C-alpha cells in the first residue's frame, strides 16, 4: 500500500503492539476495525475487536494478560505505518492510564454496531 491509498472504514486487519515491562518485551496482535481517517497526522481511528495473540508475558511481570484483554473494545489512533504491519512500541503508561491523553480510549461519539 502506498501513502496515497486510503484504507476504507469497516476494513478489518491486524495491528501489532509491543511493550517493554521489566521482565522483557511483550507483544500483542489484535484484530481491529478501521473506523475513520484523520488527514491531520495521517492516522486512522480503529476499534480493537479481538486479542488474537500475546507473547512474552511472564508470571512476575507488571504487564498481565488481563491488561491486554481489557483493550478489546477500546479505540486507538494509529499512524498509517501501524496498519501496514509495523509493530508499534508503546510505553507501559498506555496500559496503566499514566498518560495525560490516553492512547486507548472509549469514544462516546461512536455508536457501537
PDB file of N, CA and C in Angstrom:
ATOM      1  N   UNK A   1       0.855  -1.178   0.000  1.00  0.00           N
ATOM      2  CA  UNK A   1       0.000   0.000   0.000  1.00  0.00           C
ATOM      3  C   UNK A   1       0.897   1.235   0.000  1.00  0.00           C
ATOM      4  N   UNK A   2       0.618   2.163  -0.882  1.00  0.00           N
ATOM      5  CA  UNK A   2       1.417   3.391  -0.864  1.00  0.00           C
ATOM      6  C   UNK A   2       0.670   4.469  -0.101  1.00  0.00           C
ATOM      7  N   UNK A   3       1.336   5.570   0.165  1.00  0.00           N
ATOM      8  CA  UNK A   3       0.784   6.624   1.006  1.00  0.00           C
ATOM      9  C   UNK A   3      -0.481   7.257   0.476  1.00  0.00           C
ATOM     10  N   UNK A   4      -0.744   7.156  -0.831  1.00  0.00           N
ATOM     11  CA  UNK A   4      -1.918   7.812  -1.382  1.00  0.00           C
ATOM     12  C   UNK A   4      -3.170   6.952  -1.267  1.00  0.00           C
ATOM     13  N   UNK A   5      -3.023   5.666  -0.920  1.00  0.00           N
ATOM     14  CA  UNK A   5      -4.180   4.799  -0.801  1.00  0.00           C
ATOM     15  C   UNK A   5      -4.814   4.971   0.572  1.00  0.00           C
ATOM     16  N   UNK A   6      -6.131   5.014   0.582  1.00  0.00           N
ATOM     17  CA  UNK A   6      -6.877   5.177   1.820  1.00  0.00           C
ATOM     18  C   UNK A   6      -7.482   3.844   2.217  1.00  0.00           C
ATOM     19  N   UNK A   7      -7.354   3.489   3.458  1.00  0.00           N
ATOM     20  CA  UNK A   7      -7.984   2.275   3.971  1.00  0.00           C
ATOM     21  C   UNK A   7      -9.412   2.650   4.319  1.00  0.00           C
ATOM     22  N   UNK A   8     -10.345   1.929   3.759  1.00  0.00           N
ATOM     23  CA  UNK A   8     -11.766   2.261   3.921  1.00  0.00           C
ATOM     24  C   UNK A   8     -12.269   1.920   5.328  1.00  0.00           C
ATOM     25  N   UNK A   9     -13.195   2.752   5.856  1.00  0.00           N
ATOM     26  CA  UNK A   9     -13.836   2.407   7.123  1.00  0.00           C
ATOM     27  C   UNK A   9     -14.488   1.031   7.020  1.00  0.00           C
ATOM     28  N   UNK A  10     -14.543   0.331   8.117  1.00  0.00           N
ATOM     29  CA  UNK A  10     -15.070  -1.025   8.297  1.00  0.00           C
ATOM     30  C   UNK A  10     -14.104  -2.116   7.821  1.00  0.00           C
ATOM     31  N   UNK A  11     -12.953  -1.725   7.280  1.00  0.00           N
ATOM     32  CA  UNK A  11     -11.929  -2.711   6.939  1.00  0.00           C
ATOM     33  C   UNK A  11     -11.384  -3.307   8.230  1.00  0.00           C
ATOM     34  N   UNK A  12     -11.224  -4.626   8.255  1.00  0.00           N
ATOM     35  CA  UNK A  12     -10.639  -5.283   9.418  1.00  0.00           C
ATOM     36  C   UNK A  12      -9.242  -5.768   9.063  1.00  0.00           C
ATOM     37  N   UNK A  13      -8.319  -5.586  10.001  1.00  0.00           N
ATOM     38  CA  UNK A  13      -6.953  -6.033   9.781  1.00  0.00           C
ATOM     39  C   UNK A  13      -6.272  -6.251  11.110  1.00  0.00           C
ATOM     40  N   UNK A  14      -5.011  -6.690  11.072  1.00  0.00           N
ATOM     41  CA  UNK A  14      -4.250  -6.951  12.296  1.00  0.00           C
ATOM     42  C   UNK A  14      -3.404  -5.745  12.653  1.00  0.00           C
ATOM     43  N   UNK A  15      -3.302  -5.502  13.940  1.00  0.00           N
ATOM     44  CA  UNK A  15      -2.492  -4.415  14.468  1.00  0.00           C
ATOM     45  C   UNK A  15      -1.605  -5.018  15.549  1.00  0.00           C
ATOM     46  N   UNK A  16      -0.316  -4.698  15.494  1.00  0.00           N
ATOM     47  CA  UNK A  16       0.648  -5.299  16.425  1.00  0.00           C
ATOM     48  C   UNK A  16       1.256  -4.232  17.328  1.00  0.00           C
ATOM     49  N   UNK A  17       1.258  -4.540  18.638  1.00  0.00           N
ATOM     50  CA  UNK A  17       1.845  -3.667  19.642  1.00  0.00           C
ATOM     51  C   UNK A  17       2.944  -4.411  20.384  1.00  0.00           C
ATOM     52  N   UNK A  18       3.864  -3.649  20.988  1.00  0.00           N
ATOM     53  CA  UNK A  18       4.876  -4.232  21.864  1.00  0.00           C
ATOM     54  C   UNK A  18       5.116  -3.279  23.025  1.00  0.00           C
ATOM     55  N   UNK A  19       5.295  -3.863  24.214  1.00  0.00           N
ATOM     56  CA  UNK A  19       5.621  -3.115  25.418  1.00  0.00           C
ATOM     57  C   UNK A  19       6.889  -3.708  26.019  1.00  0.00           C
ATOM     58  N   UNK A  20       7.564  -2.945  26.854  1.00  0.00           N
ATOM     59  CA  UNK A  20       8.803  -3.424  27.488  1.00  0.00           C
ATOM     60  C   UNK A  20       8.714  -3.328  29.005  1.00  0.00           C
ATOM     61  N   UNK A  21       7.955  -4.238  29.636  1.00  0.00           N
ATOM     62  CA  UNK A  21       7.968  -4.256  31.099  1.00  0.00           C
ATOM     63  C   UNK A  21       9.341  -4.747  31.578  1.00  0.00           C
ATOM     64  N   UNK A  22       9.560  -4.728  32.876  1.00  0.00           N
ATOM     65  CA  UNK A  22      10.870  -5.095  33.424  1.00  0.00           C
ATOM     66  C   UNK A  22      11.262  -6.536  33.121  1.00  0.00           C
ATOM     67  N   UNK A  23      10.293  -7.381  32.803  1.00  0.00           N
ATOM     68  CA  UNK A  23      10.571  -8.800  32.564  1.00  0.00           C
ATOM     69  C   UNK A  23      10.871  -9.127  31.100  1.00  0.00           C
ATOM     70  N   UNK A  24      10.888  -8.129  30.222  1.00  0.00           N
ATOM     71  CA  UNK A  24      11.182  -8.368  28.807  1.00  0.00           C
ATOM     72  C   UNK A  24      10.028  -7.963  27.905  1.00  0.00           C
ATOM     73  N   UNK A  25      10.257  -7.999  26.622  1.00  0.00           N
ATOM     74  CA  UNK A  25       9.269  -7.496  25.655  1.00  0.00           C
ATOM     75  C   UNK A  25       8.023  -8.381  25.601  1.00  0.00           C
ATOM     76  N   UNK A  26       6.866  -7.722  25.588  1.00  0.00           N
ATOM     77  CA  UNK A  26       5.576  -8.389  25.415  1.00  0.00           C
ATOM     78  C   UNK A  26       4.996  -7.893  24.098  1.00  0.00           C
ATOM     79  N   UNK A  27       4.550  -8.843  23.284  1.00  0.00           N
ATOM     80  CA  UNK A  27       3.942  -8.488  22.000  1.00  0.00           C
ATOM     81  C   UNK A  27       2.479  -8.926  22.003  1.00  0.00           C
ATOM     82  N   UNK A  28       1.639  -8.132  21.344  1.00  0.00           N
ATOM     83  CA  UNK A  28       0.227  -8.484  21.235  1.00  0.00           C
ATOM     84  C   UNK A  28      -0.274  -8.116  19.842  1.00  0.00           C
ATOM     85  N   UNK A  29      -1.067  -9.017  19.277  1.00  0.00           N
ATOM     86  CA  UNK A  29      -1.699  -8.770  17.978  1.00  0.00           C
ATOM     87  C   UNK A  29      -3.197  -8.728  18.190  1.00  0.00           C
ATOM     88  N   UNK A  30      -3.806  -7.680  17.664  1.00  0.00           N
ATOM     89  CA  UNK A  30      -5.255  -7.502  17.760  1.00  0.00           C
ATOM     90  C   UNK A  30      -5.874  -7.466  16.375  1.00  0.00           C
ATOM     91  N   UNK A  31      -7.109  -7.974  16.289  1.00  0.00           N
ATOM     92  CA  UNK A  31      -7.907  -7.752  15.082  1.00  0.00           C
ATOM     93  C   UNK A  31      -8.643  -6.443  15.341  1.00  0.00           C
ATOM     94  N   UNK A  32      -8.526  -5.514  14.402  1.00  0.00           N
ATOM     95  CA  UNK A  32      -9.135  -4.195  14.565  1.00  0.00           C
ATOM     96  C   UNK A  32     -10.017  -3.866  13.374  1.00  0.00           C
ATOM     97  N   UNK A  33     -10.914  -2.931  13.600  1.00  0.00           N
ATOM     98  CA  UNK A  33     -11.747  -2.397  12.524  1.00  0.00           C
ATOM     99  C   UNK A  33     -11.427  -0.921  12.368  1.00  0.00           C
ATOM    100  N   UNK A  34     -11.126  -0.524  11.148  1.00  0.00           N
ATOM    101  CA  UNK A  34     -10.870   0.887  10.855  1.00  0.00           C
ATOM    102  C   UNK A  34     -12.202   1.621  10.903  1.00  0.00           C
ATOM    103  N   UNK A  35     -12.244   2.698  11.682  1.00  0.00           N
ATOM    104  CA  UNK A  35     -13.482   3.470  11.819  1.00  0.00           C
ATOM    105  C   UNK A  35     -13.452   4.764  11.010  1.00  0.00           C
ATOM    106  N   UNK A  36     -12.320   5.440  11.015  1.00  0.00           N
ATOM    107  CA  UNK A  36     -12.247   6.705  10.282  1.00  0.00           C
ATOM    108  C   UNK A  36     -10.789   7.070  10.030  1.00  0.00           C
ATOM    109  N   UNK A  37     -10.601   8.010   9.118  1.00  0.00           N
ATOM    110  CA  UNK A  37      -9.269   8.503   8.770  1.00  0.00           C
ATOM    111  C   UNK A  37      -9.160   9.950   9.204  1.00  0.00           C
ATOM    112  N   UNK A  38      -8.038  10.298   9.824  1.00  0.00           N
ATOM    113  CA  UNK A  38      -7.764  11.682  10.207  1.00  0.00           C
ATOM    114  C   UNK A  38      -6.611  12.186   9.354  1.00  0.00           C
ATOM    115  N   UNK A  39      -6.901  13.010   8.344  1.00  0.00           N
ATOM    116  CA  UNK A  39      -5.826  13.501   7.479  1.00  0.00           C
ATOM    117  C   UNK A  39      -4.738  14.233   8.259  1.00  0.00           C
ATOM    118  N   UNK A  40      -5.145  14.997   9.274  1.00  0.00           N
ATOM    119  CA  UNK A  40      -4.154  15.674  10.105  1.00  0.00           C
ATOM    120  C   UNK A  40      -3.441  14.618  10.929  1.00  0.00           C
ATOM    121  N   UNK A  41      -2.212  14.390  10.647  1.00  0.00           N
ATOM    122  CA  UNK A  41      -1.458  13.349  11.325  1.00  0.00           C
ATOM    123  C   UNK A  41      -1.404  12.046  10.548  1.00  0.00           C
ATOM    124  N   UNK A  42      -2.137  11.951   9.434  1.00  0.00           N
ATOM    125  CA  UNK A  42      -2.170  10.747   8.603  1.00  0.00           C
ATOM    126  C   UNK A  42      -2.330   9.507   9.470  1.00  0.00           C
ATOM    127  N   UNK A  43      -3.446   9.467  10.202  1.00  0.00           N
ATOM    128  CA  UNK A  43      -3.682   8.354  11.102  1.00  0.00           C
ATOM    129  C   UNK A  43      -5.138   7.904  11.019  1.00  0.00           C
ATOM    130  N   UNK A  44      -5.363   6.738  11.563  1.00  0.00           N
ATOM    131  CA  UNK A  44      -6.670   6.109  11.497  1.00  0.00           C
ATOM    132  C   UNK A  44      -7.177   5.830  12.892  1.00  0.00           C
ATOM    133  N   UNK A  45      -8.487   6.033  13.102  1.00  0.00           N
ATOM    134  CA  UNK A  45      -9.088   5.614  14.363  1.00  0.00           C
ATOM    135  C   UNK A  45      -9.580   4.198  14.147  1.00  0.00           C
ATOM    136  N   UNK A  46      -9.183   3.312  15.044  1.00  0.00           N
ATOM    137  CA  UNK A  46      -9.542   1.909  14.946  1.00  0.00           C
ATOM    138  C   UNK A  46     -10.148   1.442  16.262  1.00  0.00           C
ATOM    139  N   UNK A  47     -10.991   0.424  16.166  1.00  0.00           N
ATOM    140  CA  UNK A  47     -11.548  -0.211  17.357  1.00  0.00           C
ATOM    141  C   UNK A  47     -10.931  -1.598  17.467  1.00  0.00           C
ATOM    142  N   UNK A  48     -10.424  -1.923  18.643  1.00  0.00           N
ATOM    143  CA  UNK A  48      -9.839  -3.234  18.876  1.00  0.00           C
ATOM    144  C   UNK A  48     -10.963  -4.234  19.108  1.00  0.00           C
ATOM    145  N   UNK A  49     -11.046  -5.239  18.229  1.00  0.00           N
ATOM    146  CA  UNK A  49     -12.141  -6.204  18.270  1.00  0.00           C
ATOM    147  C   UNK A  49     -11.800  -7.483  19.023  1.00  0.00           C
ATOM    148  N   UNK A  50     -10.534  -7.913  18.919  1.00  0.00           N
ATOM    149  CA  UNK A  50     -10.172  -9.198  19.498  1.00  0.00           C
ATOM    150  C   UNK A  50      -8.662  -9.266  19.705  1.00  0.00           C
ATOM    151  N   UNK A  51      -8.263  -9.805  20.851  1.00  0.00           N
ATOM    152  CA  UNK A  51      -6.857 -10.114  21.079  1.00  0.00           C
ATOM    153  C   UNK A  51      -6.594 -11.447  20.403  1.00  0.00           C
ATOM    154  N   UNK A  52      -5.786 -11.436  19.356  1.00  0.00           N
ATOM    155  CA  UNK A  52      -5.522 -12.630  18.566  1.00  0.00           C
ATOM    156  C   UNK A  52      -4.381 -13.450  19.159  1.00  0.00           C
ATOM    157  N   UNK A  53      -3.330 -12.760  19.592  1.00  0.00           N
ATOM    158  CA  UNK A  53      -2.153 -13.452  20.093  1.00  0.00           C
ATOM    159  C   UNK A  53      -1.385 -12.542  21.042  1.00  0.00           C
ATOM    160  N   UNK A  54      -0.815 -13.144  22.078  1.00  0.00           N
ATOM    161  CA  UNK A  54       0.054 -12.405  23.003  1.00  0.00           C
ATOM    162  C   UNK A  54       1.239 -13.297  23.332  1.00  0.00           C
ATOM    163  N   UNK A  55       2.423 -12.705  23.396  1.00  0.00           N
ATOM    164  CA  UNK A  55       3.613 -13.480  23.731  1.00  0.00           C
ATOM    165  C   UNK A  55       4.521 -12.656  24.637  1.00  0.00           C
ATOM    166  N   UNK A  56       5.310 -13.352  25.429  1.00  0.00           N
ATOM    167  CA  UNK A  56       6.284 -12.701  26.289  1.00  0.00           C
ATOM    168  C   UNK A  56       5.784 -12.361  27.683  1.00  0.00           C
ATOM    169  N   UNK A  57       4.539 -12.698  27.995  1.00  0.00           N
ATOM    170  CA  UNK A  57       4.006 -12.387  29.323  1.00  0.00           C
ATOM    171  C   UNK A  57       4.551 -13.405  30.327  1.00  0.00           C
ATOM    172  N   UNK A  58       5.099 -12.891  31.420  1.00  0.00           N
ATOM    173  CA  UNK A  58       5.632 -13.756  32.479  1.00  0.00           C
ATOM    174  C   UNK A  58       4.821 -13.559  33.744  1.00  0.00           C
ATOM    175  N   UNK A  59       4.813 -14.569  34.578  1.00  0.00           N
ATOM    176  CA  UNK A  59       4.003 -14.525  35.803  1.00  0.00           C
ATOM    177  C   UNK A  59       4.450 -13.424  36.759  1.00  0.00           C
ATOM    178  N   UNK A  60       5.731 -13.032  36.693  1.00  0.00           N
ATOM    179  CA  UNK A  60       6.230 -11.993  37.598  1.00  0.00           C
ATOM    180  C   UNK A  60       6.252 -10.601  36.955  1.00  0.00           C
ATOM    181  N   UNK A  61       5.562 -10.453  35.825  1.00  0.00           N
ATOM    182  CA  UNK A  61       5.565  -9.177  35.096  1.00  0.00           C
ATOM    183  C   UNK A  61       4.475  -8.240  35.598  1.00  0.00           C
ATOM    184  N   UNK A  62       4.761  -6.941  35.514  1.00  0.00           N
ATOM    185  CA  UNK A  62       3.724  -5.941  35.829  1.00  0.00           C
ATOM    186  C   UNK A  62       2.708  -5.818  34.694  1.00  0.00           C
ATOM    187  N   UNK A  63       2.998  -6.398  33.536  1.00  0.00           N
ATOM    188  CA  UNK A  63       2.051  -6.416  32.411  1.00  0.00           C
ATOM    189  C   UNK A  63       1.390  -7.791  32.400  1.00  0.00           C
ATOM    190  N   UNK A  64       0.065  -7.796  32.516  1.00  0.00           N
ATOM    191  CA  UNK A  64      -0.672  -9.062  32.589  1.00  0.00           C
ATOM    192  C   UNK A  64      -1.530  -9.270  31.343  1.00  0.00           C
ATOM    193  N   UNK A  65      -1.924 -10.509  31.143  1.00  0.00           N
ATOM    194  CA  UNK A  65      -2.821 -10.824  30.019  1.00  0.00           C
ATOM    195  C   UNK A  65      -4.135 -10.068  30.189  1.00  0.00           C
ATOM    196  N   UNK A  66      -4.580  -9.900  31.413  1.00  0.00           N
ATOM    197  CA  UNK A  66      -5.834  -9.179  31.675  1.00  0.00           C
ATOM    198  C   UNK A  66      -5.744  -7.731  31.184  1.00  0.00           C
ATOM    199  N   UNK A  67      -4.572  -7.119  31.329  1.00  0.00           N
ATOM    200  CA  UNK A  67      -4.390  -5.745  30.841  1.00  0.00           C
ATOM    201  C   UNK A  67      -4.572  -5.706  29.323  1.00  0.00           C
ATOM    202  N   UNK A  68      -4.048  -6.706  28.641  1.00  0.00           N
ATOM    203  CA  UNK A  68      -4.194  -6.768  27.187  1.00  0.00           C
ATOM    204  C   UNK A  68      -5.635  -7.063  26.799  1.00  0.00           C
ATOM    205  N   UNK A  69      -6.290  -7.956  27.553  1.00  0.00           N
ATOM    206  CA  UNK A  69      -7.698  -8.284  27.286  1.00  0.00           C
ATOM    207  C   UNK A  69      -8.591  -7.061  27.444  1.00  0.00           C
ATOM    208  N   UNK A  70      -8.275  -6.196  28.415  1.00  0.00           N
ATOM    209  CA  UNK A  70      -9.109  -5.002  28.667  1.00  0.00           C
ATOM    210  C   UNK A  70      -9.070  -3.997  27.515  1.00  0.00           C
ATOM    211  N   UNK A  71      -8.102  -4.118  26.641  1.00  0.00           N
ATOM    212  CA  UNK A  71      -8.041  -3.194  25.498  1.00  0.00           C
ATOM    213  C   UNK A  71      -9.099  -3.511  24.440  1.00  0.00           C
ATOM    214  N   UNK A  72      -9.610  -4.747  24.433  1.00  0.00           N
ATOM    215  CA  UNK A  72     -10.643  -5.115  23.467  1.00  0.00           C
ATOM    216  C   UNK A  72     -11.858  -4.214  23.682  1.00  0.00           C
ATOM    217  N   UNK A  73     -12.344  -3.626  22.618  1.00  0.00           N
ATOM    218  CA  UNK A  73     -13.469  -2.692  22.682  1.00  0.00           C
ATOM    219  C   UNK A  73     -13.027  -1.238  22.745  1.00  0.00           C
ATOM    220  N   UNK A  74     -11.758  -1.003  23.028  1.00  0.00           N
ATOM    221  CA  UNK A  74     -11.223   0.356  23.084  1.00  0.00           C
ATOM    222  C   UNK A  74     -10.927   0.856  21.665  1.00  0.00           C
ATOM    223  N   UNK A  75     -10.756   2.152  21.566  1.00  0.00           N
ATOM    224  CA  UNK A  75     -10.404   2.801  20.304  1.00  0.00           C
ATOM    225  C   UNK A  75      -8.972   3.300  20.412  1.00  0.00           C
ATOM    226  N   UNK A  76      -8.306   3.405  19.280  1.00  0.00           N
ATOM    227  CA  UNK A  76      -6.923   3.854  19.262  1.00  0.00           C
ATOM    228  C   UNK A  76      -6.672   4.612  17.963  1.00  0.00           C
ATOM    229  N   UNK A  77      -5.851   5.651  18.045  1.00  0.00           N
ATOM    230  CA  UNK A  77      -5.425   6.370  16.844  1.00  0.00           C
ATOM    231  C   UNK A  77      -4.106   5.757  16.392  1.00  0.00           C
ATOM    232  N   UNK A  78      -4.063   5.307  15.154  1.00  0.00           N
ATOM    233  CA  UNK A  78      -2.925   4.543  14.651  1.00  0.00           C
ATOM    234  C   UNK A  78      -2.313   5.251  13.447  1.00  0.00           C
ATOM    235  N   UNK A  79      -1.005   5.490  13.473  1.00  0.00           N
ATOM    236  CA  UNK A  79      -0.362   6.039  12.285  1.00  0.00           C
ATOM    237  C   UNK A  79      -0.445   5.025  11.144  1.00  0.00           C
ATOM    238  N   UNK A  80      -0.447   5.510   9.919  1.00  0.00           N
ATOM    239  CA  UNK A  80      -0.587   4.652   8.741  1.00  0.00           C
ATOM    240  C   UNK A  80       0.362   3.456   8.788  1.00  0.00           C
ATOM    241  N   UNK A  81       1.610   3.698   9.209  1.00  0.00           N
ATOM    242  CA  UNK A  81       2.582   2.596   9.202  1.00  0.00           C
ATOM    243  C   UNK A  81       2.177   1.461  10.130  1.00  0.00           C
ATOM    244  N   UNK A  82       1.388   1.757  11.144  1.00  0.00           N
ATOM    245  CA  UNK A  82       0.894   0.709  12.034  1.00  0.00           C
ATOM    246  C   UNK A  82      -0.072  -0.221  11.339  1.00  0.00           C
ATOM    247  N   UNK A  83      -0.809   0.302  10.374  1.00  0.00           N
ATOM    248  CA  UNK A  83      -1.738  -0.527   9.613  1.00  0.00           C
ATOM    249  C   UNK A  83      -1.030  -1.261   8.483  1.00  0.00           C
ATOM    250  N   UNK A  84       0.205  -0.907   8.241  1.00  0.00           N
ATOM    251  CA  UNK A  84       0.991  -1.571   7.193  1.00  0.00           C
ATOM    252  C   UNK A  84       1.917  -2.627   7.769  1.00  0.00           C
ATOM    253  N   UNK A  85       1.683  -3.052   9.017  1.00  0.00           N
ATOM    254  CA  UNK A  85       2.431  -4.157   9.580  1.00  0.00           C
ATOM    255  C   UNK A  85       3.517  -3.793  10.574  1.00  0.00           C
ATOM    256  N   UNK A  86       3.834  -2.511  10.729  1.00  0.00           N
ATOM    257  CA  UNK A  86       4.861  -2.107  11.692  1.00  0.00           C
ATOM    258  C   UNK A  86       4.398  -2.411  13.111  1.00  0.00           C
ATOM    259  N   UNK A  87       5.279  -2.954  13.926  1.00  0.00           N
ATOM    260  CA  UNK A  87       4.966  -3.168  15.344  1.00  0.00           C
ATOM    261  C   UNK A  87       5.077  -1.822  16.043  1.00  0.00           C
ATOM    262  N   UNK A  88       4.015  -1.413  16.721  1.00  0.00           N
ATOM    263  CA  UNK A  88       4.000  -0.134  17.430  1.00  0.00           C
ATOM    264  C   UNK A  88       4.503  -0.358  18.854  1.00  0.00           C
ATOM    265  N   UNK A  89       5.672   0.180  19.161  1.00  0.00           N
ATOM    266  CA  UNK A  89       6.252   0.055  20.507  1.00  0.00           C
ATOM    267  C   UNK A  89       5.632   1.128  21.391  1.00  0.00           C
ATOM    268  N   UNK A  90       5.038   0.689  22.483  1.00  0.00           N
ATOM    269  CA  UNK A  90       4.316   1.598  23.367  1.00  0.00           C
ATOM    270  C   UNK A  90       4.912   1.574  24.764  1.00  0.00           C
ATOM    271  N   UNK A  91       4.716   2.662  25.497  1.00  0.00           N
ATOM    272  CA  UNK A  91       5.147   2.750  26.888  1.00  0.00           C
ATOM    273  C   UNK A  91       4.127   2.034  27.776  1.00  0.00           C
ATOM    274  N   UNK A  92       4.578   1.575  28.911  1.00  0.00           N
ATOM    275  CA  UNK A  92       3.688   0.901  29.859  1.00  0.00           C
ATOM    276  C   UNK A  92       2.531   1.804  30.280  1.00  0.00           C
ATOM    277  N   UNK A  93       2.749   3.117  30.282  1.00  0.00           N
ATOM    278  CA  UNK A  93       1.683   4.036  30.697  1.00  0.00           C
ATOM    279  C   UNK A  93       0.465   3.974  29.779  1.00  0.00           C
ATOM    280  N   UNK A  94       0.612   3.422  28.573  1.00  0.00           N
ATOM    281  CA  UNK A  94      -0.570   3.258  27.714  1.00  0.00           C
ATOM    282  C   UNK A  94      -1.524   2.237  28.314  1.00  0.00           C
ATOM    283  N   UNK A  95      -1.020   1.356  29.163  1.00  0.00           N
ATOM    284  CA  UNK A  95      -1.859   0.333  29.801  1.00  0.00           C
ATOM    285  C   UNK A  95      -2.278   0.710  31.208  1.00  0.00           C
ATOM    286  N   UNK A  96      -1.526   1.559  31.852  1.00  0.00           N
ATOM    287  CA  UNK A  96      -1.793   1.881  33.256  1.00  0.00           C
ATOM    288  C   UNK A  96      -2.524   3.206  33.439  1.00  0.00           C
ATOM    289  N   UNK A  97      -2.764   3.944  32.348  1.00  0.00           N
ATOM    290  CA  UNK A  97      -3.505   5.188  32.438  1.00  0.00           C
ATOM    291  C   UNK A  97      -2.677   6.371  32.871  1.00  0.00           C
ATOM    292  N   UNK A  98      -1.362   6.295  32.768  1.00  0.00           N
ATOM    293  CA  UNK A  98      -0.500   7.361  33.225  1.00  0.00           C
ATOM    294  C   UNK A  98      -0.277   8.477  32.226  1.00  0.00           C
ATOM    295  N   UNK A  99      -0.950   8.432  31.088  1.00  0.00           N
ATOM    296  CA  UNK A  99      -0.775   9.483  30.086  1.00  0.00           C
ATOM    297  C   UNK A  99      -1.822  10.571  30.276  1.00  0.00           C
ATOM    298  N   UNK A 100      -1.455  11.812  29.986  1.00  0.00           N
ATOM    299  CA  UNK A 100      -2.431  12.909  30.058  1.00  0.00           C
ATOM    300  C   UNK A 100      -3.571  12.657  29.089  1.00  0.00           C
ATOM    301  N   UNK A 101      -3.209  12.251  27.875  1.00  0.00           N
ATOM    302  CA  UNK A 101      -4.232  11.892  26.891  1.00  0.00           C
ATOM    303  C   UNK A 101      -4.059  10.411  26.612  1.00  0.00           C
ATOM    304  N   UNK A 102      -5.021   9.589  27.007  1.00  0.00           N
ATOM    305  CA  UNK A 102      -4.825   8.154  26.867  1.00  0.00           C
ATOM    306  C   UNK A 102      -4.657   7.725  25.416  1.00  0.00           C
ATOM    307  N   UNK A 103      -3.851   6.715  25.224  1.00  0.00           N
ATOM    308  CA  UNK A 103      -3.621   6.185  23.884  1.00  0.00           C
ATOM    309  C   UNK A 103      -4.820   5.363  23.458  1.00  0.00           C
ATOM    310  N   UNK A 104      -5.356   4.572  24.388  1.00  0.00           N
ATOM    311  CA  UNK A 104      -6.567   3.804  24.135  1.00  0.00           C
ATOM    312  C   UNK A 104      -7.700   4.528  24.832  1.00  0.00           C
ATOM    313  N   UNK A 105      -8.859   4.590  24.207  1.00  0.00           N
ATOM    314  CA  UNK A 105      -9.939   5.383  24.780  1.00  0.00           C
ATOM    315  C   UNK A 105     -11.285   4.841  24.337  1.00  0.00           C
ATOM    316  N   UNK A 106     -12.318   5.170  25.109  1.00  0.00           N
ATOM    317  CA  UNK A 106     -13.700   4.931  24.712  1.00  0.00           C
ATOM    318  C   UNK A 106     -14.175   6.202  24.055  1.00  0.00           C
ATOM    319  N   UNK A 107     -14.883   6.088  22.957  1.00  0.00           N
ATOM    320  CA  UNK A 107     -15.354   7.273  22.231  1.00  0.00           C
ATOM    321  C   UNK A 107     -16.870   7.310  22.240  1.00  0.00           C
ATOM    322  N   UNK A 108     -17.455   8.158  23.085  1.00  0.00           N
ATOM    323  CA  UNK A 108     -18.934   8.214  23.166  1.00  0.00           C
ATOM    324  C   UNK A 108     -19.572   8.744  21.889  1.00  0.00           C
ATOM    325  N   UNK A 109     -18.790   9.335  20.991  1.00  0.00           N
ATOM    326  CA  UNK A 109     -19.336   9.864  19.746  1.00  0.00           C
ATOM    327  C   UNK A 109     -19.572   8.771  18.701  1.00  0.00           C
ATOM    328  N   UNK A 110     -19.038   7.575  18.971  1.00  0.00           N
ATOM    329  CA  UNK A 110     -19.175   6.481  18.011  1.00  0.00           C
ATOM    330  C   UNK A 110     -20.218   5.503  18.536  1.00  0.00           C
ATOM    331  N   UNK A 111     -21.183   5.168  17.704  1.00  0.00           N
ATOM    332  CA  UNK A 111     -22.194   4.193  18.087  1.00  0.00           C
ATOM    333  C   UNK A 111     -21.669   2.805  17.834  1.00  0.00           C
ATOM    334  N   UNK A 112     -21.784   1.929  18.828  1.00  0.00           N
ATOM    335  CA  UNK A 112     -21.387   0.535  18.618  1.00  0.00           C
ATOM    336  C   UNK A 112     -22.337  -0.110  17.635  1.00  0.00           C
ATOM    337  N   UNK A 113     -21.752  -0.913  16.766  1.00  0.00           N
ATOM    338  CA  UNK A 113     -22.567  -1.551  15.732  1.00  0.00           C
ATOM    339  C   UNK A 113     -23.002  -2.919  16.168  1.00  0.00           C
TER     340      UNK A 113
END
